[in-house]
Amino acid sequence: MPESLTKRRVDEVTLHALIRAAFGADARIAGYRELGDGYFNAAFRIQLDDGRDVVLKASPPPDAALLRYEQDIMRAEAEFFRMAIEAGVPQPRLLHADFDRKVIDGDFLVLSAVDGVTWSSMRADLGADEAAALSRELGSCMARLHTVRNPSGLFGYPAVPELSAPTWPEAFAAMLGALLDDAERYGVALPVPAEDLREVVDAQAGTLAEVTEPVLVHFDLWPGNILITDSGRIAALIDGERMIWGDPLMEFIGAAAFGRADQDGDIQAGYLAAGGRDMSAADDGAGRRMTLYRLYLQLLMLIEMTPRGYTDPGYVDHVNTEAPKRIAAAVAELSHR
């Protein structure tokens, strides 16, 4: 089971109290097990004695070291599930969201359980045709998500007011600035000076201003956050807490942190068929924004490892090796455009 300093320990007595808070005093747990795939929140699959099958997620404890954008992040996940239903994408149903912090010193959600396994766990067993079909279906889900507009008109992270703004350049600059402040706070060495990174983003304000509508972006659609059925279809998009109201191009970065989802022909085919734009015809402004979003995600992945306390040496070594190279390359590319 992945270990992380942000994962709350929840005992059986507390689980019963949370279920009663969600469903009433008569609710009873018949059985449960902890779900071990995630790194951030604690999650449990719970069978109730009335036959219902649910997933309960509890936020990190109050003393957990978090990045600025992660403050109250579970509230963003609740917003994702409420808004994504408009798009008709496969997802769990949000059954209960509790932000009163009366039962635990944190937030919790209860979702309908979805039968399926993560795409990442099945990758080695999928044939080429099955993988291609899943990629096309993922592209379709992305395009449907991007039809949802923020009714408030704001860009950025919905749970953190200071990381939201009425324009995309303002919101993105605030998001990048918060990451750089986090790096300083946690003593994370950056491959490029923070001031240079701020200047690179400021210089691209005009390009970012080409985005005028804040759309729903999951921003973490890697195969570990996609459940698939026995028949090889997408059962649910999960873990939407990193959602952003922003540029739909960000979705292709979040879907392949070290790859190029925008150049995946099957994802593109599904995206186009569902009404999305043609990535192969992206103009120079779109290309620069994609580079900015790669820069942002690589910074996020590099910086978060310190407060999370990741213990997987393979993952830690990979990020420590690859992220600095990619950050430096993105800065060099943007500086010459």
C-alpha atoms as a PDB file:
ATOM      1  CA  MET A   1       0.000   0.000   0.000  1.00  0.00           C
ATOM      2  CA  PRO A   2       1.507   3.393  -0.995  1.00  0.00           C
ATOM      3  CA  GLU A   3       2.688   5.376   2.000  1.00  0.00           C
ATOM      4  CA  SER A   4       2.508   9.149   2.267  1.00  0.00           C
ATOM      5  CA  LEU A   5       2.656  11.564   5.176  1.00  0.00           C
ATOM      6  CA  THR A   6      -0.698  13.065   4.166  1.00  0.00           C
ATOM      7  CA  LYS A   7      -2.703   9.838   4.552  1.00  0.00           C
ATOM      8  CA  ARG A   8      -4.843   9.942   7.667  1.00  0.00           C
ATOM      9  CA  ARG A   9      -5.107   6.921   9.948  1.00  0.00           C
ATOM     10  CA  VAL A  10      -8.793   6.075  10.485  1.00  0.00           C
ATOM     11  CA  ASP A  11      -9.799   3.431  13.022  1.00  0.00           C
ATOM     12  CA  GLU A  12     -12.995   1.360  12.977  1.00  0.00           C
ATOM     13  CA  VAL A  13     -14.743   3.439  15.639  1.00  0.00           C
ATOM     14  CA  THR A  14     -14.183   6.585  13.575  1.00  0.00           C
ATOM     15  CA  LEU A  15     -15.395   4.878  10.398  1.00  0.00           C
ATOM     16  CA  HIS A  16     -18.669   3.982  12.125  1.00  0.00           C
ATOM     17  CA  ALA A  17     -19.056   7.589  13.327  1.00  0.00           C
ATOM     18  CA  LEU A  18     -18.467   8.948   9.831  1.00  0.00           C
ATOM     19  CA  ILE A  19     -21.006   6.584   8.282  1.00  0.00           C
ATOM     20  CA  ARG A  20     -23.618   7.558  10.876  1.00  0.00           C
ATOM     21  CA  ALA A  21     -22.934  11.232  10.162  1.00  0.00           C
ATOM     22  CA  ALA A  22     -23.471  10.578   6.456  1.00  0.00           C
ATOM     23  CA  PHE A  23     -26.503   8.288   6.537  1.00  0.00           C
ATOM     24  CA  GLY A  24     -28.108   8.671   9.950  1.00  0.00           C
ATOM     25  CA  ALA A  25     -27.904   7.084  13.383  1.00  0.00           C
ATOM     26  CA  ASP A  26     -29.249   3.733  12.187  1.00  0.00           C
ATOM     27  CA  ALA A  27     -26.559   3.208   9.522  1.00  0.00           C
ATOM     28  CA  ARG A  28     -24.306   0.230  10.220  1.00  0.00           C
ATOM     29  CA  ILE A  29     -21.145  -1.121   8.625  1.00  0.00           C
ATOM     30  CA  ALA A  30     -21.194  -4.792   7.644  1.00  0.00           C
ATOM     31  CA  GLY A  31     -17.626  -4.850   6.346  1.00  0.00           C
ATOM     32  CA  TYR A  32     -14.853  -2.643   5.002  1.00  0.00           C
ATOM     33  CA  ARG A  33     -11.349  -2.565   3.596  1.00  0.00           C
ATOM     34  CA  GLU A  34      -8.862   0.217   3.036  1.00  0.00           C
ATOM     35  CA  LEU A  35      -8.148   1.121  -0.583  1.00  0.00           C
ATOM     36  CA  GLY A  36      -4.437   1.352  -1.097  1.00  0.00           C
ATOM     37  CA  ASP A  37      -3.835   2.894  -4.530  1.00  0.00           C
ATOM     38  CA  GLY A  38      -3.919   6.587  -3.586  1.00  0.00           C
ATOM     39  CA  TYR A  39      -1.174   8.667  -1.992  1.00  0.00           C
ATOM     40  CA  PHE A  40      -3.069  11.676  -0.641  1.00  0.00           C
ATOM     41  CA  ASN A  41      -6.372  10.859   1.079  1.00  0.00           C
ATOM     42  CA  ALA A  42      -7.387   7.853   3.159  1.00  0.00           C
ATOM     43  CA  ALA A  43     -10.049   5.802   1.345  1.00  0.00           C
ATOM     44  CA  PHE A  44     -12.184   2.831   2.367  1.00  0.00           C
ATOM     45  CA  ARG A  45     -14.647   0.622   0.527  1.00  0.00           C
ATOM     46  CA  ILE A  46     -17.522  -0.042   2.905  1.00  0.00           C
ATOM     47  CA  GLN A  47     -20.480  -2.401   2.781  1.00  0.00           C
ATOM     48  CA  LEU A  48     -23.463  -1.218   4.787  1.00  0.00           C
ATOM     49  CA  ASP A  49     -25.820  -3.668   6.451  1.00  0.00           C
ATOM     50  CA  ASP A  50     -28.646  -2.541   4.147  1.00  0.00           C
ATOM     51  CA  GLY A  51     -26.690  -3.746   1.117  1.00  0.00           C
ATOM     52  CA  ARG A  52     -25.284  -0.441  -0.080  1.00  0.00           C
ATOM     53  CA  ASP A  53     -21.676  -0.405  -1.261  1.00  0.00           C
ATOM     54  CA  VAL A  54     -19.851   2.914  -0.838  1.00  0.00           C
ATOM     55  CA  VAL A  55     -16.416   4.514  -0.771  1.00  0.00           C
ATOM     56  CA  LEU A  56     -15.486   6.882   2.036  1.00  0.00           C
ATOM     57  CA  LYS A  57     -12.593   9.323   1.597  1.00  0.00           C
ATOM     58  CA  ALA A  58     -11.099  11.316   4.482  1.00  0.00           C
ATOM     59  CA  SER A  59      -8.834  14.326   4.051  1.00  0.00           C
ATOM     60  CA  PRO A  60      -5.323  14.580   5.516  1.00  0.00           C
ATOM     61  CA  PRO A  61      -4.972  15.384   9.235  1.00  0.00           C
ATOM     62  CA  PRO A  62      -4.683  19.074  10.175  1.00  0.00           C
ATOM     63  CA  ASP A  63      -0.956  18.863  10.905  1.00  0.00           C
ATOM     64  CA  ALA A  64      -0.112  17.399   7.478  1.00  0.00           C
ATOM     65  CA  ALA A  65       2.301  19.408   5.370  1.00  0.00           C
ATOM     66  CA  LEU A  66       0.439  20.444   2.222  1.00  0.00           C
ATOM     67  CA  LEU A  67       1.066  22.502  -0.868  1.00  0.00           C
ATOM     68  CA  ARG A  68      -0.956  25.692  -1.055  1.00  0.00           C
ATOM     69  CA  TYR A  69      -3.276  24.423  -3.771  1.00  0.00           C
ATOM     70  CA  GLU A  70      -4.054  21.360  -1.629  1.00  0.00           C
ATOM     71  CA  GLN A  71      -5.742  23.365   1.133  1.00  0.00           C
ATOM     72  CA  ASP A  72      -9.377  22.175   1.377  1.00  0.00           C
ATOM     73  CA  ILE A  73      -8.757  20.138  -1.774  1.00  0.00           C
ATOM     74  CA  MET A  74     -11.520  17.648  -0.958  1.00  0.00           C
ATOM     75  CA  ARG A  75     -14.003  20.456  -1.519  1.00  0.00           C
ATOM     76  CA  ALA A  76     -12.673  20.708  -5.055  1.00  0.00           C
ATOM     77  CA  GLU A  77     -13.257  16.986  -5.522  1.00  0.00           C
ATOM     78  CA  ALA A  78     -16.886  17.399  -4.436  1.00  0.00           C
ATOM     79  CA  GLU A  79     -17.244  20.229  -6.958  1.00  0.00           C
ATOM     80  CA  PHE A  80     -15.760  18.044  -9.677  1.00  0.00           C
ATOM     81  CA  PHE A  81     -18.308  15.279  -9.105  1.00  0.00           C
ATOM     82  CA  ARG A  82     -21.190  17.754  -8.948  1.00  0.00           C
ATOM     83  CA  MET A  83     -20.179  19.497 -12.160  1.00  0.00           C
ATOM     84  CA  ALA A  84     -18.942  16.509 -14.176  1.00  0.00           C
ATOM     85  CA  ILE A  85     -22.394  14.941 -13.998  1.00  0.00           C
ATOM     86  CA  GLU A  86     -23.454  17.587 -16.525  1.00  0.00           C
ATOM     87  CA  ALA A  87     -20.991  16.107 -18.991  1.00  0.00           C
ATOM     88  CA  GLY A  88     -22.299  12.560 -18.688  1.00  0.00           C
ATOM     89  CA  VAL A  89     -18.893  11.027 -18.062  1.00  0.00           C
ATOM     90  CA  PRO A  90     -18.748   7.759 -16.090  1.00  0.00           C
ATOM     91  CA  GLN A  91     -18.046   8.583 -12.460  1.00  0.00           C
ATOM     92  CA  PRO A  92     -19.109   7.666  -8.920  1.00  0.00           C
ATOM     93  CA  ARG A  93     -22.176   9.419  -7.506  1.00  0.00           C
ATOM     94  CA  LEU A  94     -21.472  11.875  -4.717  1.00  0.00           C
ATOM     95  CA  LEU A  95     -23.670  10.646  -1.849  1.00  0.00           C
ATOM     96  CA  HIS A  96     -22.461  12.874   0.974  1.00  0.00           C
ATOM     97  CA  ALA A  97     -19.969  15.719   1.427  1.00  0.00           C
ATOM     98  CA  ASP A  98     -19.144  16.814   4.970  1.00  0.00           C
ATOM     99  CA  PHE A  99     -17.060  19.933   5.572  1.00  0.00           C
ATOM    100  CA  ASP A 100     -18.323  20.757   9.095  1.00  0.00           C
ATOM    101  CA  ARG A 101     -15.379  18.966  10.733  1.00  0.00           C
ATOM    102  CA  LYS A 102     -17.507  17.866  13.669  1.00  0.00           C
ATOM    103  CA  VAL A 103     -16.719  14.143  13.463  1.00  0.00           C
ATOM    104  CA  ILE A 104     -13.059  14.396  12.473  1.00  0.00           C
ATOM    105  CA  ASP A 105     -10.690  17.326  12.250  1.00  0.00           C
ATOM    106  CA  GLY A 106     -11.000  17.315   8.486  1.00  0.00           C
ATOM    107  CA  ASP A 107     -13.366  16.778   5.552  1.00  0.00           C
ATOM    108  CA  PHE A 108     -14.847  13.571   4.198  1.00  0.00           C
ATOM    109  CA  LEU A 109     -16.835  12.385   1.203  1.00  0.00           C
ATOM    110  CA  VAL A 110     -18.966   9.318   0.585  1.00  0.00           C
ATOM    111  CA  LEU A 111     -19.287   8.099  -3.002  1.00  0.00           C
ATOM    112  CA  SER A 112     -21.087   5.220  -4.630  1.00  0.00           C
ATOM    113  CA  ALA A 113     -18.727   2.288  -5.135  1.00  0.00           C
ATOM    114  CA  VAL A 114     -17.849   1.472  -8.744  1.00  0.00           C
ATOM    115  CA  ASP A 115     -16.810  -2.029  -9.752  1.00  0.00           C
ATOM    116  CA  GLY A 116     -13.610  -2.012 -11.745  1.00  0.00           C
ATOM    117  CA  VAL A 117      -9.834  -1.960 -11.527  1.00  0.00           C
ATOM    118  CA  THR A 118      -7.412   0.800 -12.388  1.00  0.00           C
ATOM    119  CA  TRP A 119      -6.261   0.992 -15.967  1.00  0.00           C
ATOM    120  CA  SER A 120      -2.660   1.195 -14.715  1.00  0.00           C
ATOM    121  CA  SER A 121      -2.966  -2.153 -12.925  1.00  0.00           C
ATOM    122  CA  MET A 122      -4.146  -3.839 -16.151  1.00  0.00           C
ATOM    123  CA  ARG A 123      -1.833  -2.199 -18.677  1.00  0.00           C
ATOM    124  CA  ALA A 124       0.401  -5.228 -19.131  1.00  0.00           C
ATOM    125  CA  ASP A 125      -2.615  -7.463 -19.774  1.00  0.00           C
ATOM    126  CA  LEU A 126      -4.319  -5.295 -22.390  1.00  0.00           C
ATOM    127  CA  GLY A 127      -3.964  -6.049 -26.069  1.00  0.00           C
ATOM    128  CA  ALA A 128      -3.210  -3.272 -28.559  1.00  0.00           C
ATOM    129  CA  ASP A 129      -6.826  -3.061 -29.729  1.00  0.00           C
ATOM    130  CA  GLU A 130      -8.147  -2.925 -26.161  1.00  0.00           C
ATOM    131  CA  ALA A 131      -5.684  -0.170 -25.216  1.00  0.00           C
ATOM    132  CA  ALA A 132      -6.556   1.828 -28.321  1.00  0.00           C
ATOM    133  CA  ALA A 133     -10.288   1.566 -27.591  1.00  0.00           C
ATOM    134  CA  LEU A 134      -9.740   2.759 -24.018  1.00  0.00           C
ATOM    135  CA  SER A 135      -7.669   5.698 -25.262  1.00  0.00           C
ATOM    136  CA  ARG A 136     -10.424   6.701 -27.682  1.00  0.00           C
ATOM    137  CA  GLU A 137     -12.961   6.471 -24.869  1.00  0.00           C
ATOM    138  CA  LEU A 138     -10.715   8.592 -22.649  1.00  0.00           C
ATOM    139  CA  GLY A 139     -10.491  11.233 -25.367  1.00  0.00           C
ATOM    140  CA  SER A 140     -14.277  11.282 -25.563  1.00  0.00           C
ATOM    141  CA  CYS A 141     -14.547  11.728 -21.775  1.00  0.00           C
ATOM    142  CA  MET A 142     -12.085  14.611 -21.907  1.00  0.00           C
ATOM    143  CA  ALA A 143     -14.064  16.400 -24.608  1.00  0.00           C
ATOM    144  CA  ARG A 144     -17.282  16.011 -22.634  1.00  0.00           C
ATOM    145  CA  LEU A 145     -15.686  17.389 -19.482  1.00  0.00           C
ATOM    146  CA  HIS A 146     -14.553  20.421 -21.431  1.00  0.00           C
ATOM    147  CA  THR A 147     -18.129  21.331 -22.340  1.00  0.00           C
ATOM    148  CA  VAL A 148     -18.722  22.299 -18.685  1.00  0.00           C
ATOM    149  CA  ARG A 149     -18.133  25.999 -17.944  1.00  0.00           C
ATOM    150  CA  ASN A 150     -17.644  27.504 -14.503  1.00  0.00           C
ATOM    151  CA  PRO A 151     -20.875  29.334 -13.661  1.00  0.00           C
ATOM    152  CA  SER A 152     -18.914  31.823 -11.526  1.00  0.00           C
ATOM    153  CA  GLY A 153     -16.696  32.754 -14.482  1.00  0.00           C
ATOM    154  CA  LEU A 154     -13.526  32.313 -12.401  1.00  0.00           C
ATOM    155  CA  PHE A 155     -10.363  30.488 -13.433  1.00  0.00           C
ATOM    156  CA  GLY A 156      -8.082  28.465 -11.148  1.00  0.00           C
ATOM    157  CA  TYR A 157      -8.500  26.220  -8.116  1.00  0.00           C
ATOM    158  CA  PRO A 158     -12.085  26.415  -6.798  1.00  0.00           C
ATOM    159  CA  ALA A 159     -11.293  25.597  -3.141  1.00  0.00           C
ATOM    160  CA  VAL A 160      -8.551  28.239  -2.770  1.00  0.00           C
ATOM    161  CA  PRO A 161      -9.866  31.786  -3.379  1.00  0.00           C
ATOM    162  CA  GLU A 162      -6.412  33.355  -3.717  1.00  0.00           C
ATOM    163  CA  LEU A 163      -5.610  30.856  -6.493  1.00  0.00           C
ATOM    164  CA  SER A 164      -8.690  31.845  -8.497  1.00  0.00           C
ATOM    165  CA  ALA A 165      -9.086  34.923 -10.688  1.00  0.00           C
ATOM    166  CA  PRO A 166     -11.352  36.392 -13.387  1.00  0.00           C
ATOM    167  CA  THR A 167      -8.697  35.872 -16.088  1.00  0.00           C
ATOM    168  CA  TRP A 168      -6.491  32.901 -16.927  1.00  0.00           C
ATOM    169  CA  PRO A 169      -3.191  34.848 -16.861  1.00  0.00           C
ATOM    170  CA  GLU A 170      -3.952  36.064 -13.336  1.00  0.00           C
ATOM    171  CA  ALA A 171      -5.007  32.620 -12.118  1.00  0.00           C
ATOM    172  CA  PHE A 172      -2.066  30.793 -13.687  1.00  0.00           C
ATOM    173  CA  ALA A 173       0.456  33.300 -12.335  1.00  0.00           C
ATOM    174  CA  ALA A 174      -1.030  32.850  -8.852  1.00  0.00           C
ATOM    175  CA  MET A 175      -0.908  29.053  -9.189  1.00  0.00           C
ATOM    176  CA  LEU A 176       2.735  29.109 -10.303  1.00  0.00           C
ATOM    177  CA  GLY A 177       3.623  31.609  -7.585  1.00  0.00           C
ATOM    178  CA  ALA A 178       2.074  29.415  -4.901  1.00  0.00           C
ATOM    179  CA  LEU A 179       4.161  26.435  -6.074  1.00  0.00           C
ATOM    180  CA  LEU A 180       7.341  28.469  -5.952  1.00  0.00           C
ATOM    181  CA  ASP A 181       6.468  29.679  -2.446  1.00  0.00           C
ATOM    182  CA  ASP A 182       5.921  26.032  -1.471  1.00  0.00           C
ATOM    183  CA  ALA A 183       9.354  25.122  -2.828  1.00  0.00           C
ATOM    184  CA  GLU A 184      10.951  27.798  -0.664  1.00  0.00           C
ATOM    185  CA  ARG A 185       8.903  26.801   2.394  1.00  0.00           C
ATOM    186  CA  TYR A 186       9.895  23.130   2.134  1.00  0.00           C
ATOM    187  CA  GLY A 187      13.469  23.726   1.039  1.00  0.00           C
ATOM    188  CA  VAL A 188      13.114  22.124  -2.403  1.00  0.00           C
ATOM    189  CA  ALA A 189      15.994  22.935  -4.742  1.00  0.00           C
ATOM    190  CA  LEU A 190      14.788  24.047  -8.174  1.00  0.00           C
ATOM    191  CA  PRO A 191      16.764  23.554 -11.400  1.00  0.00           C
ATOM    192  CA  VAL A 192      15.902  27.111 -12.490  1.00  0.00           C
ATOM    193  CA  PRO A 193      15.803  30.139 -10.138  1.00  0.00           C
ATOM    194  CA  ALA A 194      12.285  30.984  -8.968  1.00  0.00           C
ATOM    195  CA  GLU A 195      12.536  34.532 -10.269  1.00  0.00           C
ATOM    196  CA  ASP A 196      13.374  33.258 -13.759  1.00  0.00           C
ATOM    197  CA  LEU A 197      10.336  30.971 -13.641  1.00  0.00           C
ATOM    198  CA  ARG A 198       8.076  33.875 -12.659  1.00  0.00           C
ATOM    199  CA  GLU A 199       9.489  35.964 -15.527  1.00  0.00           C
ATOM    200  CA  VAL A 200       8.873  33.178 -18.038  1.00  0.00           C
ATOM    201  CA  VAL A 201       5.222  32.952 -17.030  1.00  0.00           C
ATOM    202  CA  ASP A 202       4.769  36.739 -16.967  1.00  0.00           C
ATOM    203  CA  ALA A 203       6.185  36.936 -20.493  1.00  0.00           C
ATOM    204  CA  GLN A 204       3.480  34.526 -21.712  1.00  0.00           C
ATOM    205  CA  ALA A 205       0.552  36.500 -20.259  1.00  0.00           C
ATOM    206  CA  GLY A 206      -0.703  37.406 -23.728  1.00  0.00           C
ATOM    207  CA  THR A 207      -0.697  33.778 -24.809  1.00  0.00           C
ATOM    208  CA  LEU A 208      -2.554  32.718 -21.662  1.00  0.00           C
ATOM    209  CA  ALA A 209      -5.092  35.512 -22.279  1.00  0.00           C
ATOM    210  CA  GLU A 210      -6.196  33.680 -25.435  1.00  0.00           C
ATOM    211  CA  VAL A 211      -8.120  31.388 -23.062  1.00  0.00           C
ATOM    212  CA  THR A 212     -11.324  33.247 -22.263  1.00  0.00           C
ATOM    213  CA  GLU A 213     -13.627  30.540 -20.873  1.00  0.00           C
ATOM    214  CA  PRO A 214     -12.879  28.516 -17.717  1.00  0.00           C
ATOM    215  CA  VAL A 215     -13.759  24.886 -18.480  1.00  0.00           C
ATOM    216  CA  LEU A 216     -13.722  21.838 -16.225  1.00  0.00           C
ATOM    217  CA  VAL A 217     -10.281  20.177 -16.300  1.00  0.00           C
ATOM    218  CA  HIS A 218      -9.645  17.042 -14.226  1.00  0.00           C
ATOM    219  CA  PHE A 219      -5.851  17.484 -14.670  1.00  0.00           C
ATOM    220  CA  ASP A 220      -4.964  14.047 -13.299  1.00  0.00           C
ATOM    221  CA  LEU A 221      -6.359  11.575 -15.833  1.00  0.00           C
ATOM    222  CA  TRP A 222      -3.423   9.182 -15.780  1.00  0.00           C
ATOM    223  CA  PRO A 223      -4.395   5.476 -15.879  1.00  0.00           C
ATOM    224  CA  GLY A 224      -4.255   5.156 -12.084  1.00  0.00           C
ATOM    225  CA  ASN A 225      -7.280   7.455 -11.848  1.00  0.00           C
ATOM    226  CA  ILE A 226      -9.359   5.582 -14.414  1.00  0.00           C
ATOM    227  CA  LEU A 227     -11.319   2.473 -13.482  1.00  0.00           C
ATOM    228  CA  ILE A 228     -12.071  -0.044 -16.213  1.00  0.00           C
ATOM    229  CA  THR A 229     -14.561  -2.895 -16.416  1.00  0.00           C
ATOM    230  CA  ASP A 230     -13.945  -6.565 -17.168  1.00  0.00           C
ATOM    231  CA  SER A 231     -15.076  -5.865 -20.712  1.00  0.00           C
ATOM    232  CA  GLY A 232     -12.415  -3.190 -21.204  1.00  0.00           C
ATOM    233  CA  ARG A 233     -14.572  -0.065 -20.966  1.00  0.00           C
ATOM    234  CA  ILE A 234     -14.091   2.955 -18.739  1.00  0.00           C
ATOM    235  CA  ALA A 235     -16.129   2.447 -15.571  1.00  0.00           C
ATOM    236  CA  ALA A 236     -15.307   5.738 -13.838  1.00  0.00           C
ATOM    237  CA  LEU A 237     -13.022   8.738 -13.683  1.00  0.00           C
ATOM    238  CA  ILE A 238     -11.943   9.098 -10.063  1.00  0.00           C
ATOM    239  CA  ASP A 239      -9.866  11.362  -7.791  1.00  0.00           C
ATOM    240  CA  GLY A 240     -10.911  14.701  -9.239  1.00  0.00           C
ATOM    241  CA  GLU A 241      -9.489  16.763  -6.376  1.00  0.00           C
ATOM    242  CA  ARG A 242      -6.795  18.348  -8.579  1.00  0.00           C
ATOM    243  CA  MET A 243      -9.488  19.854 -10.825  1.00  0.00           C
ATOM    244  CA  ILE A 244      -8.930  23.292 -12.300  1.00  0.00           C
ATOM    245  CA  TRP A 245     -11.224  25.708 -14.072  1.00  0.00           C
ATOM    246  CA  GLY A 246      -8.950  26.538 -16.951  1.00  0.00           C
ATOM    247  CA  ASP A 247      -7.621  25.722 -20.401  1.00  0.00           C
ATOM    248  CA  PRO A 248      -8.715  22.339 -21.822  1.00  0.00           C
ATOM    249  CA  LEU A 249      -5.168  21.851 -23.130  1.00  0.00           C
ATOM    250  CA  MET A 250      -4.086  21.186 -19.537  1.00  0.00           C
ATOM    251  CA  GLU A 251      -5.942  17.869 -19.630  1.00  0.00           C
ATOM    252  CA  PHE A 252      -3.450  16.392 -22.078  1.00  0.00           C
ATOM    253  CA  ILE A 253      -0.584  17.260 -19.744  1.00  0.00           C
ATOM    254  CA  GLY A 254      -2.236  15.747 -16.660  1.00  0.00           C
ATOM    255  CA  ALA A 255      -2.999  12.559 -18.593  1.00  0.00           C
ATOM    256  CA  ALA A 256       0.692  11.862 -19.357  1.00  0.00           C
ATOM    257  CA  ALA A 257       3.091  13.648 -17.026  1.00  0.00           C
ATOM    258  CA  PHE A 258       6.173  12.276 -18.783  1.00  0.00           C
ATOM    259  CA  GLY A 259       4.624  11.728 -22.200  1.00  0.00           C
ATOM    260  CA  ARG A 260       2.567  13.454 -24.905  1.00  0.00           C
ATOM    261  CA  ALA A 261      -1.140  12.637 -24.616  1.00  0.00           C
ATOM    262  CA  ASP A 262      -1.764  15.414 -27.150  1.00  0.00           C
ATOM    263  CA  GLN A 263       0.089  13.306 -29.735  1.00  0.00           C
ATOM    264  CA  ASP A 264      -1.750  10.063 -28.955  1.00  0.00           C
ATOM    265  CA  GLY A 265      -3.738   9.346 -32.115  1.00  0.00           C
ATOM    266  CA  ASP A 266      -6.414   7.326 -30.331  1.00  0.00           C
ATOM    267  CA  ILE A 267      -7.019   9.946 -27.624  1.00  0.00           C
ATOM    268  CA  GLN A 268      -7.175  12.543 -30.381  1.00  0.00           C
ATOM    269  CA  ALA A 269      -9.678  10.493 -32.377  1.00  0.00           C
ATOM    270  CA  GLY A 270     -11.974  10.112 -29.363  1.00  0.00           C
ATOM    271  CA  TYR A 271     -11.611  13.784 -28.488  1.00  0.00           C
ATOM    272  CA  LEU A 272     -12.465  14.921 -32.011  1.00  0.00           C
ATOM    273  CA  ALA A 273     -15.398  12.528 -32.339  1.00  0.00           C
ATOM    274  CA  ALA A 274     -16.915  13.988 -29.163  1.00  0.00           C
ATOM    275  CA  GLY A 275     -16.531  17.573 -30.367  1.00  0.00           C
ATOM    276  CA  GLY A 276     -13.072  18.509 -29.060  1.00  0.00           C
ATOM    277  CA  ARG A 277     -10.545  20.590 -30.993  1.00  0.00           C
ATOM    278  CA  ASP A 278      -7.852  19.124 -33.248  1.00  0.00           C
ATOM    279  CA  MET A 279      -4.571  19.091 -31.307  1.00  0.00           C
ATOM    280  CA  SER A 280      -2.541  18.317 -34.428  1.00  0.00           C
ATOM    281  CA  ALA A 281      -3.535  21.718 -35.787  1.00  0.00           C
ATOM    282  CA  ALA A 282      -2.574  23.602 -32.625  1.00  0.00           C
ATOM    283  CA  ASP A 283      -1.248  27.109 -33.307  1.00  0.00           C
ATOM    284  CA  ASP A 284       1.858  28.662 -31.783  1.00  0.00           C
ATOM    285  CA  GLY A 285      -0.053  30.112 -28.845  1.00  0.00           C
ATOM    286  CA  ALA A 286      -1.508  26.727 -27.971  1.00  0.00           C
ATOM    287  CA  GLY A 287       1.942  25.169 -28.252  1.00  0.00           C
ATOM    288  CA  ARG A 288       3.410  27.697 -25.837  1.00  0.00           C
ATOM    289  CA  ARG A 289       0.581  27.126 -23.376  1.00  0.00           C
ATOM    290  CA  MET A 290       1.182  23.374 -23.520  1.00  0.00           C
ATOM    291  CA  THR A 291       4.830  24.009 -22.652  1.00  0.00           C
ATOM    292  CA  LEU A 292       3.765  26.222 -19.733  1.00  0.00           C
ATOM    293  CA  TYR A 293       1.486  23.463 -18.422  1.00  0.00           C
ATOM    294  CA  ARG A 294       4.269  20.868 -18.704  1.00  0.00           C
ATOM    295  CA  LEU A 295       6.490  23.216 -16.731  1.00  0.00           C
ATOM    296  CA  TYR A 296       3.807  23.635 -14.086  1.00  0.00           C
ATOM    297  CA  LEU A 297       3.140  19.909 -13.650  1.00  0.00           C
ATOM    298  CA  GLN A 298       6.835  19.011 -13.482  1.00  0.00           C
ATOM    299  CA  LEU A 299       7.324  21.645 -10.781  1.00  0.00           C
ATOM    300  CA  LEU A 300       4.315  20.298  -8.882  1.00  0.00           C
ATOM    301  CA  MET A 301       5.595  16.716  -8.998  1.00  0.00           C
ATOM    302  CA  LEU A 302       9.102  17.726  -7.937  1.00  0.00           C
ATOM    303  CA  ILE A 303       7.982  19.968  -5.072  1.00  0.00           C
ATOM    304  CA  GLU A 304       5.282  17.706  -3.620  1.00  0.00           C
ATOM    305  CA  MET A 305       7.677  14.847  -2.885  1.00  0.00           C
ATOM    306  CA  THR A 306       9.173  16.596   0.142  1.00  0.00           C
ATOM    307  CA  PRO A 307       5.975  17.283   2.125  1.00  0.00           C
ATOM    308  CA  ARG A 308       4.465  13.943   1.033  1.00  0.00           C
ATOM    309  CA  GLY A 309       7.501  11.974   2.187  1.00  0.00           C
ATOM    310  CA  TYR A 310       7.311   9.452  -0.656  1.00  0.00           C
ATOM    311  CA  THR A 311       9.189   6.221   0.059  1.00  0.00           C
ATOM    312  CA  ASP A 312       9.086   4.457  -3.340  1.00  0.00           C
ATOM    313  CA  PRO A 313      12.726   4.762  -4.492  1.00  0.00           C
ATOM    314  CA  GLY A 314      11.862   4.067  -8.114  1.00  0.00           C
ATOM    315  CA  TYR A 315       9.332   6.897  -8.293  1.00  0.00           C
ATOM    316  CA  VAL A 316      11.476   9.321  -6.264  1.00  0.00           C
ATOM    317  CA  ASP A 317      14.543   8.679  -8.410  1.00  0.00           C
ATOM    318  CA  HIS A 318      12.536   9.014 -11.627  1.00  0.00           C
ATOM    319  CA  VAL A 319      11.003  12.372 -10.651  1.00  0.00           C
ATOM    320  CA  ASN A 320      14.281  13.711  -9.271  1.00  0.00           C
ATOM    321  CA  THR A 321      15.998  12.770 -12.521  1.00  0.00           C
ATOM    322  CA  GLU A 322      13.361  13.662 -15.106  1.00  0.00           C
ATOM    323  CA  ALA A 323      11.521  16.678 -13.673  1.00  0.00           C
ATOM    324  CA  PRO A 324      14.552  19.024 -13.424  1.00  0.00           C
ATOM    325  CA  LYS A 325      15.560  18.230 -17.014  1.00  0.00           C
ATOM    326  CA  ARG A 326      12.048  18.884 -18.274  1.00  0.00           C
ATOM    327  CA  ILE A 327      11.682  22.102 -16.281  1.00  0.00           C
ATOM    328  CA  ALA A 328      14.929  23.453 -17.683  1.00  0.00           C
ATOM    329  CA  ALA A 329      13.955  22.395 -21.221  1.00  0.00           C
ATOM    330  CA  ALA A 330      10.557  24.098 -20.946  1.00  0.00           C
ATOM    331  CA  VAL A 331      12.150  27.337 -19.743  1.00  0.00           C
ATOM    332  CA  ALA A 332      14.668  27.238 -22.600  1.00  0.00           C
ATOM    333  CA  GLU A 333      11.914  26.602 -25.146  1.00  0.00           C
ATOM    334  CA  LEU A 334       9.726  29.449 -23.876  1.00  0.00           C
ATOM    335  CA  SER A 335      12.668  31.844 -23.660  1.00  0.00           C
ATOM    336  CA  HIS A 336      13.315  31.438 -27.392  1.00  0.00           C
ATOM    337  CA  ARG A 337       9.721  31.951 -28.487  1.00  0.00           C
END
